[in-house]
Amino acid sequence: MSTIRDDLKQLIDTLSERQILALWRVAASMKPSETLTPEEAARVDQALREIEAGDFVDWQDLKRAL
């Protein structure tokens, strides 16, 4: 079974060098700059589980609601 990480690696292989640099900049900006507390880490883990389960509001739905 393919994982998101595997899919991302395959996608990266199709990108140009310029696109890879742009992606690297975005990914580097997401790197935590400080250590999370156990409570913060638990909240992040919970949020990721909710996203993986499809429990989130679609951007288009959110725009319509606002």
PDB file of N, CA and C in Angstrom:
ATOM      1  N   MET A   1       0.837  -1.176   0.000  1.00  0.00           N
ATOM      2  CA  MET A   1       0.000   0.000   0.000  1.00  0.00           C
ATOM      3  C   MET A   1       0.885   1.244   0.000  1.00  0.00           C
ATOM      4  N   SER A   2       0.552   2.176  -0.829  1.00  0.00           N
ATOM      5  CA  SER A   2       1.323   3.407  -0.963  1.00  0.00           C
ATOM      6  C   SER A   2       0.965   4.375   0.160  1.00  0.00           C
ATOM      7  N   THR A   3       1.953   5.076   0.626  1.00  0.00           N
ATOM      8  CA  THR A   3       1.712   6.079   1.652  1.00  0.00           C
ATOM      9  C   THR A   3       1.833   7.467   1.036  1.00  0.00           C
ATOM     10  N   ILE A   4       1.378   8.450   1.756  1.00  0.00           N
ATOM     11  CA  ILE A   4       1.504   9.823   1.281  1.00  0.00           C
ATOM     12  C   ILE A   4       2.969  10.167   1.070  1.00  0.00           C
ATOM     13  N   ARG A   5       3.838   9.702   1.956  1.00  0.00           N
ATOM     14  CA  ARG A   5       5.269   9.963   1.832  1.00  0.00           C
ATOM     15  C   ARG A   5       5.802   9.371   0.522  1.00  0.00           C
ATOM     16  N   ASP A   6       5.390   8.152   0.200  1.00  0.00           N
ATOM     17  CA  ASP A   6       5.826   7.528  -1.058  1.00  0.00           C
ATOM     18  C   ASP A   6       5.300   8.299  -2.269  1.00  0.00           C
ATOM     19  N   ASP A   7       4.029   8.703  -2.193  1.00  0.00           N
ATOM     20  CA  ASP A   7       3.433   9.473  -3.284  1.00  0.00           C
ATOM     21  C   ASP A   7       4.168  10.796  -3.474  1.00  0.00           C
ATOM     22  N   LEU A   8       4.521  11.431  -2.368  1.00  0.00           N
ATOM     23  CA  LEU A   8       5.238  12.697  -2.451  1.00  0.00           C
ATOM     24  C   LEU A   8       6.614  12.513  -3.080  1.00  0.00           C
ATOM     25  N   LYS A   9       7.296  11.452  -2.714  1.00  0.00           N
ATOM     26  CA  LYS A   9       8.612  11.179  -3.308  1.00  0.00           C
ATOM     27  C   LYS A   9       8.490  10.990  -4.825  1.00  0.00           C
ATOM     28  N   GLN A  10       7.466  10.273  -5.257  1.00  0.00           N
ATOM     29  CA  GLN A  10       7.260  10.072  -6.690  1.00  0.00           C
ATOM     30  C   GLN A  10       6.941  11.394  -7.382  1.00  0.00           C
ATOM     31  N   LEU A  11       6.124  12.221  -6.735  1.00  0.00           N
ATOM     32  CA  LEU A  11       5.785  13.521  -7.301  1.00  0.00           C
ATOM     33  C   LEU A  11       7.024  14.396  -7.432  1.00  0.00           C
ATOM     34  N   ILE A  12       7.866  14.401  -6.416  1.00  0.00           N
ATOM     35  CA  ILE A  12       9.086  15.207  -6.451  1.00  0.00           C
ATOM     36  C   ILE A  12       9.956  14.809  -7.633  1.00  0.00           C
ATOM     37  N   ASP A  13      10.003  13.525  -7.932  1.00  0.00           N
ATOM     38  CA  ASP A  13      10.810  13.058  -9.058  1.00  0.00           C
ATOM     39  C   ASP A  13      10.343  13.616 -10.399  1.00  0.00           C
ATOM     40  N   THR A  14       9.107  14.108 -10.466  1.00  0.00           N
ATOM     41  CA  THR A  14       8.585  14.650 -11.728  1.00  0.00           C
ATOM     42  C   THR A  14       8.788  16.162 -11.842  1.00  0.00           C
ATOM     43  N   LEU A  15       9.245  16.805 -10.766  1.00  0.00           N
ATOM     44  CA  LEU A  15       9.367  18.259 -10.747  1.00  0.00           C
ATOM     45  C   LEU A  15      10.671  18.736 -11.373  1.00  0.00           C
ATOM     46  N   SER A  16      10.637  19.955 -11.879  1.00  0.00           N
ATOM     47  CA  SER A  16      11.847  20.592 -12.399  1.00  0.00           C
ATOM     48  C   SER A  16      12.703  21.041 -11.211  1.00  0.00           C
ATOM     49  N   GLU A  17      13.947  21.384 -11.475  1.00  0.00           N
ATOM     50  CA  GLU A  17      14.827  21.858 -10.403  1.00  0.00           C
ATOM     51  C   GLU A  17      14.260  23.120  -9.757  1.00  0.00           C
ATOM     52  N   ARG A  18      13.685  23.987 -10.563  1.00  0.00           N
ATOM     53  CA  ARG A  18      13.098  25.216 -10.037  1.00  0.00           C
ATOM     54  C   ARG A  18      11.928  24.907  -9.101  1.00  0.00           C
ATOM     55  N   GLN A  19      11.092  23.957  -9.507  1.00  0.00           N
ATOM     56  CA  GLN A  19       9.960  23.568  -8.666  1.00  0.00           C
ATOM     57  C   GLN A  19      10.437  22.901  -7.377  1.00  0.00           C
ATOM     58  N   ILE A  20      11.486  22.098  -7.473  1.00  0.00           N
ATOM     59  CA  ILE A  20      12.030  21.441  -6.283  1.00  0.00           C
ATOM     60  C   ILE A  20      12.561  22.488  -5.303  1.00  0.00           C
ATOM     61  N   LEU A  21      13.225  23.510  -5.806  1.00  0.00           N
ATOM     62  CA  LEU A  21      13.720  24.571  -4.938  1.00  0.00           C
ATOM     63  C   LEU A  21      12.556  25.285  -4.244  1.00  0.00           C
ATOM     64  N   ALA A  22      11.504  25.564  -4.985  1.00  0.00           N
ATOM     65  CA  ALA A  22      10.335  26.218  -4.395  1.00  0.00           C
ATOM     66  C   ALA A  22       9.704  25.325  -3.337  1.00  0.00           C
ATOM     67  N   LEU A  23       9.597  24.042  -3.620  1.00  0.00           N
ATOM     68  CA  LEU A  23       9.040  23.102  -2.659  1.00  0.00           C
ATOM     69  C   LEU A  23       9.911  23.011  -1.415  1.00  0.00           C
ATOM     70  N   TRP A  24      11.214  23.014  -1.610  1.00  0.00           N
ATOM     71  CA  TRP A  24      12.139  22.956  -0.471  1.00  0.00           C
ATOM     72  C   TRP A  24      11.942  24.177   0.423  1.00  0.00           C
ATOM     73  N   ARG A  25      11.774  25.350  -0.187  1.00  0.00           N
ATOM     74  CA  ARG A  25      11.568  26.567   0.599  1.00  0.00           C
ATOM     75  C   ARG A  25      10.299  26.477   1.430  1.00  0.00           C
ATOM     76  N   VAL A  26       9.248  25.959   0.822  1.00  0.00           N
ATOM     77  CA  VAL A  26       7.988  25.815   1.559  1.00  0.00           C
ATOM     78  C   VAL A  26       8.164  24.801   2.691  1.00  0.00           C
ATOM     79  N   ALA A  27       8.747  23.659   2.385  1.00  0.00           N
ATOM     80  CA  ALA A  27       8.933  22.627   3.401  1.00  0.00           C
ATOM     81  C   ALA A  27       9.840  23.111   4.528  1.00  0.00           C
ATOM     82  N   ALA A  28      10.898  23.825   4.191  1.00  0.00           N
ATOM     83  CA  ALA A  28      11.818  24.333   5.209  1.00  0.00           C
ATOM     84  C   ALA A  28      11.121  25.327   6.132  1.00  0.00           C
ATOM     85  N   SER A  29      10.182  26.088   5.578  1.00  0.00           N
ATOM     86  CA  SER A  29       9.465  27.059   6.403  1.00  0.00           C
ATOM     87  C   SER A  29       8.514  26.383   7.380  1.00  0.00           C
ATOM     88  N   MET A  30       8.175  25.128   7.128  1.00  0.00           N
ATOM     89  CA  MET A  30       7.260  24.393   7.994  1.00  0.00           C
ATOM     90  C   MET A  30       7.978  23.688   9.140  1.00  0.00           C
ATOM     91  N   LYS A  31       9.283  23.656   9.085  1.00  0.00           N
ATOM     92  CA  LYS A  31      10.056  22.978  10.123  1.00  0.00           C
ATOM     93  C   LYS A  31       9.872  23.723  11.448  1.00  0.00           C
ATOM     94  N   PRO A  32       9.497  23.009  12.491  1.00  0.00           N
ATOM     95  CA  PRO A  32       9.296  23.682  13.781  1.00  0.00           C
ATOM     96  C   PRO A  32      10.577  24.369  14.246  1.00  0.00           C
ATOM     97  N   SER A  33      10.438  25.580  14.733  1.00  0.00           N
ATOM     98  CA  SER A  33      11.595  26.313  15.208  1.00  0.00           C
ATOM     99  C   SER A  33      11.789  26.152  16.707  1.00  0.00           C
ATOM    100  N   GLU A  34      10.835  25.531  17.366  1.00  0.00           N
ATOM    101  CA  GLU A  34      10.959  25.306  18.800  1.00  0.00           C
ATOM    102  C   GLU A  34      10.384  23.944  19.146  1.00  0.00           C
ATOM    103  N   THR A  35      10.739  23.470  20.285  1.00  0.00           N
ATOM    104  CA  THR A  35      10.254  22.170  20.738  1.00  0.00           C
ATOM    105  C   THR A  35       8.826  22.310  21.250  1.00  0.00           C
ATOM    106  N   LEU A  36       7.977  21.386  20.840  1.00  0.00           N
ATOM    107  CA  LEU A  36       6.591  21.397  21.286  1.00  0.00           C
ATOM    108  C   LEU A  36       6.485  20.766  22.671  1.00  0.00           C
ATOM    109  N   THR A  37       5.539  21.255  23.438  1.00  0.00           N
ATOM    110  CA  THR A  37       5.244  20.615  24.712  1.00  0.00           C
ATOM    111  C   THR A  37       4.510  19.314  24.404  1.00  0.00           C
ATOM    112  N   PRO A  38       4.463  18.394  25.344  1.00  0.00           N
ATOM    113  CA  PRO A  38       3.702  17.153  25.099  1.00  0.00           C
ATOM    114  C   PRO A  38       2.241  17.422  24.745  1.00  0.00           C
ATOM    115  N   GLU A  39       1.647  18.434  25.362  1.00  0.00           N
ATOM    116  CA  GLU A  39       0.253  18.771  25.070  1.00  0.00           C
ATOM    117  C   GLU A  39       0.100  19.294  23.641  1.00  0.00           C
ATOM    118  N   GLU A  40       1.031  20.143  23.211  1.00  0.00           N
ATOM    119  CA  GLU A  40       0.992  20.662  21.848  1.00  0.00           C
ATOM    120  C   GLU A  40       1.193  19.544  20.837  1.00  0.00           C
ATOM    121  N   ALA A  41       2.135  18.664  21.114  1.00  0.00           N
ATOM    122  CA  ALA A  41       2.386  17.532  20.221  1.00  0.00           C
ATOM    123  C   ALA A  41       1.155  16.641  20.117  1.00  0.00           C
ATOM    124  N   ALA A  42       0.466  16.443  21.229  1.00  0.00           N
ATOM    125  CA  ALA A  42      -0.752  15.622  21.221  1.00  0.00           C
ATOM    126  C   ALA A  42      -1.833  16.284  20.378  1.00  0.00           C
ATOM    127  N   ARG A  43      -1.955  17.621  20.462  1.00  0.00           N
ATOM    128  CA  ARG A  43      -2.949  18.330  19.653  1.00  0.00           C
ATOM    129  C   ARG A  43      -2.618  18.247  18.170  1.00  0.00           C
ATOM    130  N   VAL A  44      -1.339  18.352  17.832  1.00  0.00           N
ATOM    131  CA  VAL A  44      -0.925  18.215  16.433  1.00  0.00           C
ATOM    132  C   VAL A  44      -1.234  16.813  15.933  1.00  0.00           C
ATOM    133  N   ASP A  45      -0.892  15.801  16.717  1.00  0.00           N
ATOM    134  CA  ASP A  45      -1.173  14.413  16.331  1.00  0.00           C
ATOM    135  C   ASP A  45      -2.669  14.197  16.119  1.00  0.00           C
ATOM    136  N   GLN A  46      -3.490  14.734  17.016  1.00  0.00           N
ATOM    137  CA  GLN A  46      -4.939  14.605  16.886  1.00  0.00           C
ATOM    138  C   GLN A  46      -5.430  15.280  15.612  1.00  0.00           C
ATOM    139  N   ALA A  47      -4.913  16.469  15.331  1.00  0.00           N
ATOM    140  CA  ALA A  47      -5.321  17.187  14.113  1.00  0.00           C
ATOM    141  C   ALA A  47      -4.944  16.401  12.866  1.00  0.00           C
ATOM    142  N   LEU A  48      -3.756  15.817  12.858  1.00  0.00           N
ATOM    143  CA  LEU A  48      -3.336  15.024  11.692  1.00  0.00           C
ATOM    144  C   LEU A  48      -4.221  13.794  11.518  1.00  0.00           C
ATOM    145  N   ARG A  49      -4.601  13.151  12.627  1.00  0.00           N
ATOM    146  CA  ARG A  49      -5.507  11.998  12.531  1.00  0.00           C
ATOM    147  C   ARG A  49      -6.865  12.421  11.964  1.00  0.00           C
ATOM    148  N   GLU A  50      -7.350  13.588  12.385  1.00  0.00           N
ATOM    149  CA  GLU A  50      -8.628  14.085  11.874  1.00  0.00           C
ATOM    150  C   GLU A  50      -8.544  14.374  10.378  1.00  0.00           C
ATOM    151  N   ILE A  51      -7.450  14.967   9.951  1.00  0.00           N
ATOM    152  CA  ILE A  51      -7.271  15.252   8.520  1.00  0.00           C
ATOM    153  C   ILE A  51      -7.228  13.948   7.733  1.00  0.00           C
ATOM    154  N   GLU A  52      -6.462  12.977   8.214  1.00  0.00           N
ATOM    155  CA  GLU A  52      -6.364  11.686   7.521  1.00  0.00           C
ATOM    156  C   GLU A  52      -7.714  10.985   7.444  1.00  0.00           C
ATOM    157  N   ALA A  53      -8.562  11.202   8.461  1.00  0.00           N
ATOM    158  CA  ALA A  53      -9.891  10.582   8.482  1.00  0.00           C
ATOM    159  C   ALA A  53     -10.900  11.363   7.647  1.00  0.00           C
ATOM    160  N   GLY A  54     -10.464  12.490   7.079  1.00  0.00           N
ATOM    161  CA  GLY A  54     -11.361  13.290   6.259  1.00  0.00           C
ATOM    162  C   GLY A  54     -12.237  14.229   7.069  1.00  0.00           C
ATOM    163  N   ASP A  55     -11.905  14.419   8.327  1.00  0.00           N
ATOM    164  CA  ASP A  55     -12.697  15.258   9.221  1.00  0.00           C
ATOM    165  C   ASP A  55     -12.158  16.686   9.200  1.00  0.00           C
ATOM    166  N   PHE A  56     -12.468  17.394   8.118  1.00  0.00           N
ATOM    167  CA  PHE A  56     -12.034  18.771   7.968  1.00  0.00           C
ATOM    168  C   PHE A  56     -13.014  19.490   7.051  1.00  0.00           C
ATOM    169  N   VAL A  57     -12.929  20.802   7.018  1.00  0.00           N
ATOM    170  CA  VAL A  57     -13.799  21.609   6.163  1.00  0.00           C
ATOM    171  C   VAL A  57     -13.052  21.911   4.872  1.00  0.00           C
ATOM    172  N   ASP A  58     -13.671  21.594   3.766  1.00  0.00           N
ATOM    173  CA  ASP A  58     -13.099  21.876   2.455  1.00  0.00           C
ATOM    174  C   ASP A  58     -13.025  23.383   2.256  1.00  0.00           C
ATOM    175  N   TRP A  59     -11.967  23.844   1.607  1.00  0.00           N
ATOM    176  CA  TRP A  59     -11.755  25.278   1.392  1.00  0.00           C
ATOM    177  C   TRP A  59     -12.941  25.915   0.678  1.00  0.00           C
ATOM    178  N   GLN A  60     -13.457  25.274  -0.343  1.00  0.00           N
ATOM    179  CA  GLN A  60     -14.589  25.840  -1.091  1.00  0.00           C
ATOM    180  C   GLN A  60     -15.817  25.960  -0.189  1.00  0.00           C
ATOM    181  N   ASP A  61     -16.055  24.959   0.656  1.00  0.00           N
ATOM    182  CA  ASP A  61     -17.178  25.012   1.583  1.00  0.00           C
ATOM    183  C   ASP A  61     -17.003  26.145   2.587  1.00  0.00           C
ATOM    184  N   LEU A  62     -15.790  26.321   3.061  1.00  0.00           N
ATOM    185  CA  LEU A  62     -15.500  27.396   4.013  1.00  0.00           C
ATOM    186  C   LEU A  62     -15.743  28.763   3.383  1.00  0.00           C
ATOM    187  N   LYS A  63     -15.275  28.939   2.139  1.00  0.00           N
ATOM    188  CA  LYS A  63     -15.494  30.218   1.462  1.00  0.00           C
ATOM    189  C   LYS A  63     -16.985  30.499   1.294  1.00  0.00           C
ATOM    190  N   ARG A  64     -17.747  29.480   0.955  1.00  0.00           N
ATOM    191  CA  ARG A  64     -19.202  29.678   0.792  1.00  0.00           C
ATOM    192  C   ARG A  64     -19.859  30.040   2.125  1.00  0.00           C
ATOM    193  N   ALA A  65     -19.375  29.432   3.199  1.00  0.00           N
ATOM    194  CA  ALA A  65     -19.962  29.683   4.517  1.00  0.00           C
ATOM    195  C   ALA A  65     -19.671  31.094   5.000  1.00  0.00           C
ATOM    196  N   LEU A  66     -18.550  31.641   4.567  1.00  0.00           N
ATOM    197  CA  LEU A  66     -18.191  32.994   5.011  1.00  0.00           C
ATOM    198  C   LEU A  66     -18.815  33.998   4.083  1.00  0.00           C
TER     199      LEU A  66
END
